[in-house]
């Protein structure tokens, strides 16, 4: 596997893990006094991170070995 392909996949995994943490924080914060708007923003950031991770995986799949 080329170095660039490896890096793309590594970053996509990091983004997915980050999205999971953002979701967990949104759930915890929703019960801890955050406004609905703040929780929605947190979830939106998690969704964006997942979309970016998906785009990186797609790019990596097209990268030459």
Foldseek 3Di string as FASTA:
>chain_A
DDPLLVVLLVQLVVLQVVLVVLLVVLVVVVVVDDDPVVSVVSNVSSVVSNVSSVVSNVVSVPDDD
